[in-house]
Amino acid sequence: MAHSHDAHAHDADALCDVAHGEAAAGAEGRTLVAVFASPVADYLLRYGADLGFRGILFEPDPGRAAAPKGFEVVTTPPADLDGTADIVLTDHHRPELAAVLHELLAHKCRWIGVMGSPRHPAPYLQALAELGSREEDIARVHRPIGLNIGSRTPPEIAVATLAGLLADRNGRPGGFAF
């Protein structure tokens, strides 16, 4: 008869195998949609792919719609957005931000966030209300995004954002608390 300690040891061994690249991490069902072509979006897609995310760039302006090689680029929200999708709006200065966010809130994505400093008001909040977004949908929008690691550069912002998404997916607070 196996003891619970043996089961725990087996789970730990399986996690070690994943950490050492000897077993798959089981990340299927993860979609990352980076909204708006930007340096941060490029890093999110590239680093996200290494973490097992299916990466998509959603850029509503066809003239700007370019992503790193190998990633899907769409100019309208992907039709298959569901509870596996994490959405990150990577440019809080775009004039179409509220309209795009309003459209995305109609989907049942797992998580949605907008880059932006917590020191500045979120300019899209009033616009979302004016567009008819429901309060409970507006409350789904995370801002700021990512772990508070003092990130400044596009790669640092992408790392902080992806770490925050992983912590959220795994039901963890992030940081160094275990």
N, C-alpha and C. Protein backbone atom coordinates (compact mmCIF):
# COMPACT_ATOMS: atom_id res chain seq x y z
N MET A 1 0.84 -1.18 0.00
CA MET A 1 0.00 0.00 0.00
C MET A 1 0.89 1.25 0.00
N ALA A 2 0.62 2.18 -0.90
CA ALA A 2 1.42 3.39 -1.00
C ALA A 2 1.04 4.36 0.10
N HIS A 3 2.00 5.04 0.63
CA HIS A 3 1.75 6.04 1.67
C HIS A 3 1.62 7.40 1.01
N SER A 4 0.96 8.34 1.68
CA SER A 4 0.81 9.68 1.13
C SER A 4 2.17 10.33 0.91
N HIS A 5 3.15 9.98 1.76
CA HIS A 5 4.49 10.51 1.57
C HIS A 5 5.07 10.07 0.22
N ASP A 6 4.80 8.81 -0.14
CA ASP A 6 5.27 8.31 -1.43
C ASP A 6 4.62 9.07 -2.58
N ALA A 7 3.33 9.39 -2.45
CA ALA A 7 2.64 10.15 -3.48
C ALA A 7 3.24 11.54 -3.60
N HIS A 8 3.56 12.18 -2.46
CA HIS A 8 4.18 13.50 -2.47
C HIS A 8 5.55 13.43 -3.14
N ALA A 9 6.31 12.40 -2.82
CA ALA A 9 7.63 12.24 -3.42
C ALA A 9 7.51 12.05 -4.93
N HIS A 10 6.49 11.29 -5.37
CA HIS A 10 6.27 11.09 -6.79
C HIS A 10 5.95 12.42 -7.47
N ASP A 11 5.07 13.25 -6.85
CA ASP A 11 4.72 14.56 -7.40
C ASP A 11 5.96 15.44 -7.50
N ALA A 12 6.80 15.41 -6.45
CA ALA A 12 8.03 16.22 -6.45
C ALA A 12 8.97 15.74 -7.56
N ASP A 13 9.08 14.41 -7.73
CA ASP A 13 9.93 13.88 -8.80
C ASP A 13 9.42 14.33 -10.17
N ALA A 14 8.10 14.31 -10.36
CA ALA A 14 7.52 14.73 -11.64
C ALA A 14 7.82 16.20 -11.90
N LEU A 15 7.74 17.04 -10.86
CA LEU A 15 8.05 18.46 -11.02
C LEU A 15 9.53 18.66 -11.34
N CYS A 16 10.39 17.86 -10.71
CA CYS A 16 11.83 17.93 -11.03
C CYS A 16 12.08 17.55 -12.48
N ASP A 17 11.37 16.52 -12.96
CA ASP A 17 11.53 16.11 -14.35
C ASP A 17 11.15 17.25 -15.29
N VAL A 18 10.07 17.97 -14.99
CA VAL A 18 9.66 19.11 -15.80
C VAL A 18 10.72 20.20 -15.75
N ALA A 19 11.21 20.51 -14.55
CA ALA A 19 12.21 21.56 -14.38
C ALA A 19 13.51 21.26 -15.12
N HIS A 20 13.83 19.98 -15.25
CA HIS A 20 15.06 19.59 -15.94
C HIS A 20 14.84 19.31 -17.43
N GLY A 21 13.63 19.59 -17.91
CA GLY A 21 13.35 19.41 -19.32
C GLY A 21 13.16 17.97 -19.74
N GLU A 22 12.94 17.09 -18.78
CA GLU A 22 12.79 15.67 -19.08
C GLU A 22 11.34 15.25 -19.25
N ALA A 23 10.42 16.18 -19.01
CA ALA A 23 8.99 15.90 -19.16
C ALA A 23 8.30 17.19 -19.58
N ALA A 24 7.18 17.04 -20.26
CA ALA A 24 6.41 18.21 -20.71
C ALA A 24 5.74 18.87 -19.51
N ALA A 25 5.59 20.19 -19.57
CA ALA A 25 5.01 20.95 -18.47
C ALA A 25 3.48 20.91 -18.46
N GLY A 26 2.87 20.44 -19.54
CA GLY A 26 1.41 20.38 -19.56
C GLY A 26 0.76 21.75 -19.65
N ALA A 27 1.30 22.63 -20.46
CA ALA A 27 0.81 24.00 -20.56
C ALA A 27 -0.26 24.16 -21.64
N GLU A 28 -0.78 23.06 -22.17
CA GLU A 28 -1.78 23.16 -23.22
C GLU A 28 -2.96 23.99 -22.73
N GLY A 29 -3.59 24.64 -23.66
CA GLY A 29 -4.75 25.45 -23.30
C GLY A 29 -4.41 26.83 -22.82
N ARG A 30 -3.22 27.30 -23.08
CA ARG A 30 -2.86 28.67 -22.71
C ARG A 30 -2.76 29.50 -23.98
N THR A 31 -3.51 30.58 -24.01
CA THR A 31 -3.41 31.53 -25.11
C THR A 31 -3.04 32.88 -24.54
N LEU A 32 -2.10 33.56 -25.17
CA LEU A 32 -1.71 34.91 -24.79
C LEU A 32 -1.97 35.81 -25.98
N VAL A 33 -2.82 36.80 -25.79
CA VAL A 33 -3.10 37.77 -26.84
C VAL A 33 -2.47 39.09 -26.42
N ALA A 34 -1.47 39.51 -27.18
CA ALA A 34 -0.86 40.82 -26.97
C ALA A 34 -1.59 41.78 -27.90
N VAL A 35 -2.16 42.82 -27.33
CA VAL A 35 -2.93 43.78 -28.11
C VAL A 35 -2.08 45.02 -28.35
N PHE A 36 -2.00 45.42 -29.57
CA PHE A 36 -1.25 46.56 -30.08
C PHE A 36 0.22 46.17 -30.29
N ALA A 37 0.68 46.32 -31.51
CA ALA A 37 2.08 46.05 -31.85
C ALA A 37 2.96 47.03 -31.08
N SER A 38 3.91 46.48 -30.34
CA SER A 38 4.81 47.31 -29.54
C SER A 38 6.01 46.45 -29.16
N PRO A 39 7.09 47.08 -28.70
CA PRO A 39 8.22 46.27 -28.23
C PRO A 39 7.81 45.32 -27.10
N VAL A 40 6.96 45.76 -26.17
CA VAL A 40 6.51 44.88 -25.09
C VAL A 40 5.74 43.70 -25.66
N ALA A 41 4.88 43.94 -26.64
CA ALA A 41 4.12 42.84 -27.26
C ALA A 41 5.07 41.82 -27.87
N ASP A 42 6.11 42.27 -28.53
CA ASP A 42 7.08 41.35 -29.13
C ASP A 42 7.70 40.45 -28.07
N TYR A 43 8.14 41.04 -26.96
CA TYR A 43 8.75 40.24 -25.89
C TYR A 43 7.73 39.32 -25.23
N LEU A 44 6.51 39.81 -25.01
CA LEU A 44 5.47 38.96 -24.42
C LEU A 44 5.25 37.72 -25.27
N LEU A 45 5.14 37.90 -26.57
CA LEU A 45 4.89 36.77 -27.46
C LEU A 45 6.07 35.80 -27.45
N ARG A 46 7.27 36.32 -27.57
CA ARG A 46 8.45 35.45 -27.61
C ARG A 46 8.67 34.70 -26.30
N TYR A 47 8.64 35.42 -25.19
CA TYR A 47 8.84 34.78 -23.89
C TYR A 47 7.65 33.87 -23.55
N GLY A 48 6.45 34.32 -23.92
CA GLY A 48 5.26 33.51 -23.65
C GLY A 48 5.30 32.17 -24.37
N ALA A 49 5.85 32.15 -25.58
CA ALA A 49 5.97 30.89 -26.32
C ALA A 49 6.87 29.93 -25.56
N ASP A 50 7.93 30.44 -24.95
CA ASP A 50 8.82 29.59 -24.16
C ASP A 50 8.10 29.02 -22.93
N LEU A 51 7.05 29.70 -22.48
CA LEU A 51 6.28 29.26 -21.32
C LEU A 51 5.07 28.41 -21.71
N GLY A 52 4.93 28.12 -23.00
CA GLY A 52 3.85 27.25 -23.44
C GLY A 52 2.59 27.95 -23.89
N PHE A 53 2.63 29.27 -24.02
CA PHE A 53 1.46 30.01 -24.50
C PHE A 53 1.40 29.98 -26.03
N ARG A 54 0.20 29.86 -26.56
CA ARG A 54 -0.03 30.11 -27.98
C ARG A 54 -0.16 31.62 -28.10
N GLY A 55 0.75 32.25 -28.81
CA GLY A 55 0.78 33.71 -28.88
C GLY A 55 0.09 34.26 -30.11
N ILE A 56 -0.68 35.32 -29.89
CA ILE A 56 -1.38 36.01 -30.96
C ILE A 56 -1.19 37.51 -30.76
N LEU A 57 -0.87 38.22 -31.83
CA LEU A 57 -0.87 39.68 -31.79
C LEU A 57 -2.19 40.16 -32.38
N PHE A 58 -2.94 40.93 -31.61
CA PHE A 58 -4.15 41.57 -32.10
C PHE A 58 -3.82 43.05 -32.27
N GLU A 59 -3.69 43.46 -33.52
CA GLU A 59 -3.39 44.85 -33.86
C GLU A 59 -4.51 45.33 -34.78
N PRO A 60 -5.41 46.20 -34.27
CA PRO A 60 -6.55 46.64 -35.09
C PRO A 60 -6.17 47.51 -36.29
N ASP A 61 -4.99 48.09 -36.27
CA ASP A 61 -4.54 48.92 -37.38
C ASP A 61 -3.71 48.05 -38.33
N PRO A 62 -4.28 47.68 -39.51
CA PRO A 62 -3.54 46.81 -40.43
C PRO A 62 -2.17 47.36 -40.83
N GLY A 63 -1.99 48.66 -40.79
CA GLY A 63 -0.72 49.27 -41.14
C GLY A 63 0.36 49.03 -40.10
N ARG A 64 -0.03 48.64 -38.90
CA ARG A 64 0.93 48.38 -37.82
C ARG A 64 1.04 46.89 -37.50
N ALA A 65 0.24 46.08 -38.14
CA ALA A 65 0.10 44.66 -37.78
C ALA A 65 1.33 43.85 -38.16
N ALA A 66 2.32 43.83 -37.27
CA ALA A 66 3.52 43.03 -37.47
C ALA A 66 3.92 42.43 -36.13
N ALA A 67 4.28 41.17 -36.15
CA ALA A 67 4.69 40.46 -34.93
C ALA A 67 5.98 39.71 -35.22
N PRO A 68 6.66 39.25 -34.18
CA PRO A 68 7.83 38.41 -34.43
C PRO A 68 7.45 37.21 -35.29
N LYS A 69 8.39 36.75 -36.08
CA LYS A 69 8.17 35.62 -36.99
C LYS A 69 7.59 34.42 -36.24
N GLY A 70 6.58 33.82 -36.85
CA GLY A 70 5.99 32.61 -36.30
C GLY A 70 4.74 32.83 -35.46
N PHE A 71 4.33 34.08 -35.27
CA PHE A 71 3.15 34.35 -34.46
C PHE A 71 1.99 34.81 -35.33
N GLU A 72 0.82 34.40 -34.94
CA GLU A 72 -0.40 34.78 -35.64
C GLU A 72 -0.66 36.27 -35.40
N VAL A 73 -1.08 36.97 -36.45
CA VAL A 73 -1.42 38.38 -36.36
C VAL A 73 -2.85 38.53 -36.85
N VAL A 74 -3.69 39.19 -36.04
CA VAL A 74 -5.09 39.42 -36.41
C VAL A 74 -5.41 40.90 -36.24
N THR A 75 -6.40 41.36 -37.01
CA THR A 75 -6.83 42.75 -36.90
C THR A 75 -8.20 42.88 -36.25
N THR A 76 -8.78 41.75 -35.88
CA THR A 76 -10.02 41.72 -35.08
C THR A 76 -9.79 40.68 -33.98
N PRO A 77 -10.55 40.75 -32.89
CA PRO A 77 -10.34 39.78 -31.82
C PRO A 77 -10.50 38.35 -32.34
N PRO A 78 -9.61 37.46 -31.92
CA PRO A 78 -9.73 36.06 -32.34
C PRO A 78 -11.10 35.50 -31.92
N ALA A 79 -11.70 34.71 -32.78
CA ALA A 79 -13.04 34.17 -32.51
C ALA A 79 -13.03 33.17 -31.37
N ASP A 80 -11.89 32.55 -31.09
CA ASP A 80 -11.85 31.47 -30.10
C ASP A 80 -11.40 31.93 -28.71
N LEU A 81 -11.55 33.22 -28.40
CA LEU A 81 -11.18 33.69 -27.06
C LEU A 81 -12.12 33.06 -26.04
N ASP A 82 -11.52 32.40 -25.05
CA ASP A 82 -12.32 31.73 -24.03
C ASP A 82 -11.58 31.78 -22.70
N GLY A 83 -11.94 30.91 -21.80
CA GLY A 83 -11.36 30.89 -20.47
C GLY A 83 -9.90 30.50 -20.41
N THR A 84 -9.29 30.18 -21.55
CA THR A 84 -7.85 29.88 -21.57
C THR A 84 -7.03 31.09 -21.98
N ALA A 85 -7.68 32.17 -22.38
CA ALA A 85 -6.99 33.32 -22.96
C ALA A 85 -6.67 34.39 -21.93
N ASP A 86 -5.41 34.81 -21.94
CA ASP A 86 -4.95 35.96 -21.18
C ASP A 86 -4.67 37.07 -22.19
N ILE A 87 -5.21 38.25 -21.93
CA ILE A 87 -5.10 39.36 -22.87
C ILE A 87 -4.37 40.51 -22.20
N VAL A 88 -3.35 41.04 -22.90
CA VAL A 88 -2.57 42.16 -22.37
C VAL A 88 -2.57 43.28 -23.40
N LEU A 89 -3.14 44.42 -23.04
CA LEU A 89 -3.10 45.59 -23.91
C LEU A 89 -1.80 46.33 -23.60
N THR A 90 -0.94 46.45 -24.61
CA THR A 90 0.44 46.87 -24.38
C THR A 90 0.72 48.34 -24.67
N ASP A 91 -0.31 49.13 -24.98
CA ASP A 91 -0.08 50.56 -25.25
C ASP A 91 -1.28 51.34 -24.73
N HIS A 92 -1.11 51.99 -23.58
CA HIS A 92 -2.23 52.72 -22.98
C HIS A 92 -2.42 54.11 -23.57
N HIS A 93 -1.64 54.46 -24.58
CA HIS A 93 -1.78 55.76 -25.23
C HIS A 93 -2.57 55.71 -26.53
N ARG A 94 -2.91 54.53 -27.00
CA ARG A 94 -3.60 54.42 -28.28
C ARG A 94 -5.02 54.99 -28.16
N PRO A 95 -5.42 55.81 -29.14
CA PRO A 95 -6.75 56.45 -29.06
C PRO A 95 -7.90 55.45 -29.11
N GLU A 96 -7.69 54.28 -29.72
CA GLU A 96 -8.75 53.29 -29.83
C GLU A 96 -8.78 52.31 -28.66
N LEU A 97 -8.01 52.60 -27.61
CA LEU A 97 -7.90 51.69 -26.47
C LEU A 97 -9.27 51.32 -25.90
N ALA A 98 -10.09 52.29 -25.58
CA ALA A 98 -11.39 52.00 -24.95
C ALA A 98 -12.28 51.17 -25.88
N ALA A 99 -12.33 51.49 -27.16
CA ALA A 99 -13.16 50.74 -28.09
C ALA A 99 -12.69 49.29 -28.21
N VAL A 100 -11.38 49.08 -28.29
CA VAL A 100 -10.82 47.74 -28.38
C VAL A 100 -11.09 46.97 -27.09
N LEU A 101 -10.88 47.62 -25.96
CA LEU A 101 -11.11 46.98 -24.67
C LEU A 101 -12.59 46.62 -24.50
N HIS A 102 -13.48 47.52 -24.90
CA HIS A 102 -14.92 47.24 -24.85
C HIS A 102 -15.26 45.98 -25.67
N GLU A 103 -14.67 45.88 -26.84
CA GLU A 103 -14.91 44.72 -27.71
C GLU A 103 -14.37 43.43 -27.06
N LEU A 104 -13.20 43.52 -26.45
CA LEU A 104 -12.59 42.34 -25.82
C LEU A 104 -13.37 41.89 -24.59
N LEU A 105 -13.97 42.84 -23.87
CA LEU A 105 -14.72 42.49 -22.67
C LEU A 105 -15.97 41.67 -22.98
N ALA A 106 -16.37 41.63 -24.24
CA ALA A 106 -17.52 40.80 -24.64
C ALA A 106 -17.15 39.32 -24.66
N HIS A 107 -15.86 39.02 -24.62
CA HIS A 107 -15.37 37.63 -24.64
C HIS A 107 -15.16 37.15 -23.20
N LYS A 108 -15.26 35.87 -23.02
CA LYS A 108 -15.09 35.27 -21.70
C LYS A 108 -13.64 34.82 -21.49
N CYS A 109 -12.71 35.74 -21.69
CA CYS A 109 -11.30 35.41 -21.49
C CYS A 109 -11.02 35.21 -20.00
N ARG A 110 -9.92 34.52 -19.71
CA ARG A 110 -9.56 34.23 -18.33
C ARG A 110 -9.10 35.48 -17.59
N TRP A 111 -8.31 36.32 -18.28
CA TRP A 111 -7.67 37.47 -17.63
C TRP A 111 -7.46 38.55 -18.67
N ILE A 112 -7.64 39.80 -18.26
CA ILE A 112 -7.40 40.93 -19.17
C ILE A 112 -6.77 42.07 -18.39
N GLY A 113 -5.71 42.64 -18.95
CA GLY A 113 -5.02 43.73 -18.27
C GLY A 113 -4.51 44.76 -19.25
N VAL A 114 -4.31 45.98 -18.73
CA VAL A 114 -3.83 47.11 -19.52
C VAL A 114 -2.57 47.64 -18.86
N MET A 115 -1.50 47.75 -19.64
CA MET A 115 -0.28 48.36 -19.13
C MET A 115 -0.58 49.80 -18.75
N GLY A 116 0.10 50.26 -17.73
CA GLY A 116 -0.05 51.65 -17.33
C GLY A 116 0.42 51.86 -15.91
N SER A 117 0.88 53.04 -15.63
CA SER A 117 1.38 53.36 -14.31
C SER A 117 0.23 53.54 -13.33
N PRO A 118 0.35 52.98 -12.13
CA PRO A 118 -0.69 53.19 -11.13
C PRO A 118 -0.74 54.65 -10.65
N ARG A 119 0.29 55.44 -10.97
CA ARG A 119 0.32 56.85 -10.57
C ARG A 119 -0.56 57.73 -11.45
N HIS A 120 -1.02 57.18 -12.56
CA HIS A 120 -1.84 57.97 -13.49
C HIS A 120 -3.23 57.35 -13.59
N PRO A 121 -4.24 58.18 -13.74
CA PRO A 121 -5.60 57.61 -13.86
C PRO A 121 -5.74 56.80 -15.15
N ALA A 122 -6.62 55.83 -15.10
CA ALA A 122 -6.89 55.00 -16.28
C ALA A 122 -7.87 55.75 -17.18
N PRO A 123 -7.39 56.32 -18.28
CA PRO A 123 -8.24 57.18 -19.11
C PRO A 123 -9.40 56.45 -19.79
N TYR A 124 -9.33 55.15 -19.87
CA TYR A 124 -10.35 54.39 -20.58
C TYR A 124 -11.58 54.08 -19.73
N LEU A 125 -11.53 54.27 -18.42
CA LEU A 125 -12.64 53.88 -17.56
C LEU A 125 -13.94 54.60 -17.91
N GLN A 126 -13.89 55.92 -18.02
CA GLN A 126 -15.09 56.68 -18.36
C GLN A 126 -15.54 56.33 -19.78
N ALA A 127 -14.61 56.18 -20.69
CA ALA A 127 -14.96 55.84 -22.07
C ALA A 127 -15.66 54.48 -22.14
N LEU A 128 -15.20 53.51 -21.34
CA LEU A 128 -15.86 52.20 -21.33
C LEU A 128 -17.30 52.32 -20.86
N ALA A 129 -17.52 53.11 -19.83
CA ALA A 129 -18.89 53.33 -19.33
C ALA A 129 -19.74 53.99 -20.41
N GLU A 130 -19.18 54.96 -21.11
CA GLU A 130 -19.91 55.66 -22.17
C GLU A 130 -20.23 54.72 -23.34
N LEU A 131 -19.37 53.73 -23.56
CA LEU A 131 -19.61 52.75 -24.63
C LEU A 131 -20.62 51.68 -24.22
N GLY A 132 -21.03 51.70 -22.96
CA GLY A 132 -22.03 50.75 -22.50
C GLY A 132 -21.48 49.52 -21.81
N SER A 133 -20.19 49.50 -21.48
CA SER A 133 -19.62 48.38 -20.75
C SER A 133 -20.25 48.32 -19.36
N ARG A 134 -20.56 47.12 -18.93
CA ARG A 134 -21.14 46.93 -17.60
C ARG A 134 -20.06 47.09 -16.53
N GLU A 135 -20.46 47.54 -15.35
CA GLU A 135 -19.50 47.73 -14.25
C GLU A 135 -18.75 46.46 -13.93
N GLU A 136 -19.44 45.32 -13.92
CA GLU A 136 -18.77 44.05 -13.60
C GLU A 136 -17.75 43.66 -14.67
N ASP A 137 -17.98 44.06 -15.91
CA ASP A 137 -16.98 43.80 -16.95
C ASP A 137 -15.79 44.73 -16.80
N ILE A 138 -16.05 46.00 -16.52
CA ILE A 138 -14.96 46.95 -16.32
C ILE A 138 -14.10 46.51 -15.14
N ALA A 139 -14.71 45.94 -14.12
CA ALA A 139 -13.97 45.47 -12.94
C ALA A 139 -13.05 44.30 -13.25
N ARG A 140 -13.27 43.62 -14.38
CA ARG A 140 -12.40 42.50 -14.78
C ARG A 140 -11.03 42.97 -15.28
N VAL A 141 -10.90 44.25 -15.61
CA VAL A 141 -9.67 44.78 -16.20
C VAL A 141 -8.64 45.04 -15.10
N HIS A 142 -7.48 44.43 -15.24
CA HIS A 142 -6.39 44.61 -14.29
C HIS A 142 -5.50 45.76 -14.75
N ARG A 143 -5.11 46.60 -13.82
CA ARG A 143 -4.17 47.68 -14.08
C ARG A 143 -3.67 48.18 -12.75
N PRO A 144 -2.42 48.22 -12.48
CA PRO A 144 -1.32 47.84 -13.35
C PRO A 144 -1.26 46.32 -13.51
N ILE A 145 -0.38 45.88 -14.38
CA ILE A 145 -0.24 44.45 -14.64
C ILE A 145 1.15 44.00 -14.22
N GLY A 146 1.30 42.71 -14.01
CA GLY A 146 2.61 42.15 -13.71
C GLY A 146 3.02 42.29 -12.26
N LEU A 147 4.11 41.63 -11.93
CA LEU A 147 4.65 41.71 -10.58
C LEU A 147 5.42 43.02 -10.42
N ASN A 148 5.39 43.56 -9.23
CA ASN A 148 6.06 44.82 -8.94
C ASN A 148 7.55 44.55 -8.70
N ILE A 149 8.31 44.53 -9.80
CA ILE A 149 9.75 44.28 -9.71
C ILE A 149 10.55 45.50 -10.17
N GLY A 150 9.85 46.61 -10.37
CA GLY A 150 10.53 47.82 -10.81
C GLY A 150 10.91 47.80 -12.28
N SER A 151 10.17 47.04 -13.08
CA SER A 151 10.51 46.90 -14.50
C SER A 151 10.33 48.23 -15.23
N ARG A 152 11.23 48.49 -16.15
CA ARG A 152 11.21 49.72 -16.93
C ARG A 152 11.31 49.45 -18.44
N THR A 153 12.13 48.48 -18.82
CA THR A 153 12.37 48.22 -20.25
C THR A 153 11.34 47.22 -20.78
N PRO A 154 11.13 47.18 -22.09
CA PRO A 154 10.17 46.22 -22.64
C PRO A 154 10.41 44.77 -22.21
N PRO A 155 11.67 44.25 -22.23
CA PRO A 155 11.83 42.87 -21.78
C PRO A 155 11.49 42.69 -20.30
N GLU A 156 11.85 43.67 -19.47
CA GLU A 156 11.53 43.58 -18.04
C GLU A 156 10.02 43.62 -17.81
N ILE A 157 9.32 44.47 -18.54
CA ILE A 157 7.86 44.55 -18.41
C ILE A 157 7.23 43.23 -18.83
N ALA A 158 7.75 42.63 -19.90
CA ALA A 158 7.22 41.34 -20.36
C ALA A 158 7.44 40.26 -19.31
N VAL A 159 8.64 40.22 -18.72
CA VAL A 159 8.93 39.22 -17.68
C VAL A 159 8.00 39.41 -16.49
N ALA A 160 7.86 40.64 -16.02
CA ALA A 160 6.99 40.92 -14.87
C ALA A 160 5.54 40.54 -15.18
N THR A 161 5.09 40.83 -16.40
CA THR A 161 3.72 40.52 -16.79
C THR A 161 3.51 39.01 -16.85
N LEU A 162 4.40 38.31 -17.51
CA LEU A 162 4.26 36.86 -17.62
C LEU A 162 4.37 36.19 -16.25
N ALA A 163 5.26 36.68 -15.39
CA ALA A 163 5.36 36.12 -14.04
C ALA A 163 4.05 36.33 -13.28
N GLY A 164 3.45 37.50 -13.44
CA GLY A 164 2.16 37.76 -12.81
C GLY A 164 1.06 36.86 -13.34
N LEU A 165 1.05 36.63 -14.65
CA LEU A 165 0.05 35.73 -15.23
C LEU A 165 0.23 34.30 -14.72
N LEU A 166 1.48 33.85 -14.64
CA LEU A 166 1.73 32.50 -14.13
C LEU A 166 1.31 32.39 -12.67
N ALA A 167 1.64 33.39 -11.87
CA ALA A 167 1.23 33.37 -10.46
C ALA A 167 -0.29 33.31 -10.36
N ASP A 168 -0.98 34.12 -11.14
CA ASP A 168 -2.44 34.13 -11.11
C ASP A 168 -3.02 32.79 -11.56
N ARG A 169 -2.48 32.23 -12.64
CA ARG A 169 -2.95 30.93 -13.14
C ARG A 169 -2.76 29.83 -12.09
N ASN A 170 -1.68 29.94 -11.32
CA ASN A 170 -1.35 28.92 -10.34
C ASN A 170 -1.90 29.23 -8.95
N GLY A 171 -2.70 30.30 -8.84
CA GLY A 171 -3.28 30.65 -7.55
C GLY A 171 -2.27 31.10 -6.52
N ARG A 172 -1.20 31.74 -6.96
CA ARG A 172 -0.13 32.19 -6.09
C ARG A 172 -0.06 33.71 -6.06
N PRO A 173 0.46 34.28 -4.96
CA PRO A 173 0.50 35.74 -4.87
C PRO A 173 1.64 36.37 -5.66
N GLY A 174 2.62 35.60 -6.10
CA GLY A 174 3.79 36.16 -6.75
C GLY A 174 4.78 36.60 -5.69
N GLY A 175 5.90 37.11 -6.09
CA GLY A 175 6.92 37.53 -5.14
C GLY A 175 7.69 36.34 -4.59
N PHE A 176 8.28 36.52 -3.44
CA PHE A 176 9.12 35.49 -2.86
C PHE A 176 8.44 34.75 -1.73
N ALA A 177 7.16 34.99 -1.50
CA ALA A 177 6.44 34.26 -0.45
C ALA A 177 6.01 32.90 -0.97
N PHE A 178 6.37 31.84 -0.25
CA PHE A 178 5.98 30.49 -0.64
C PHE A 178 5.07 29.94 0.43
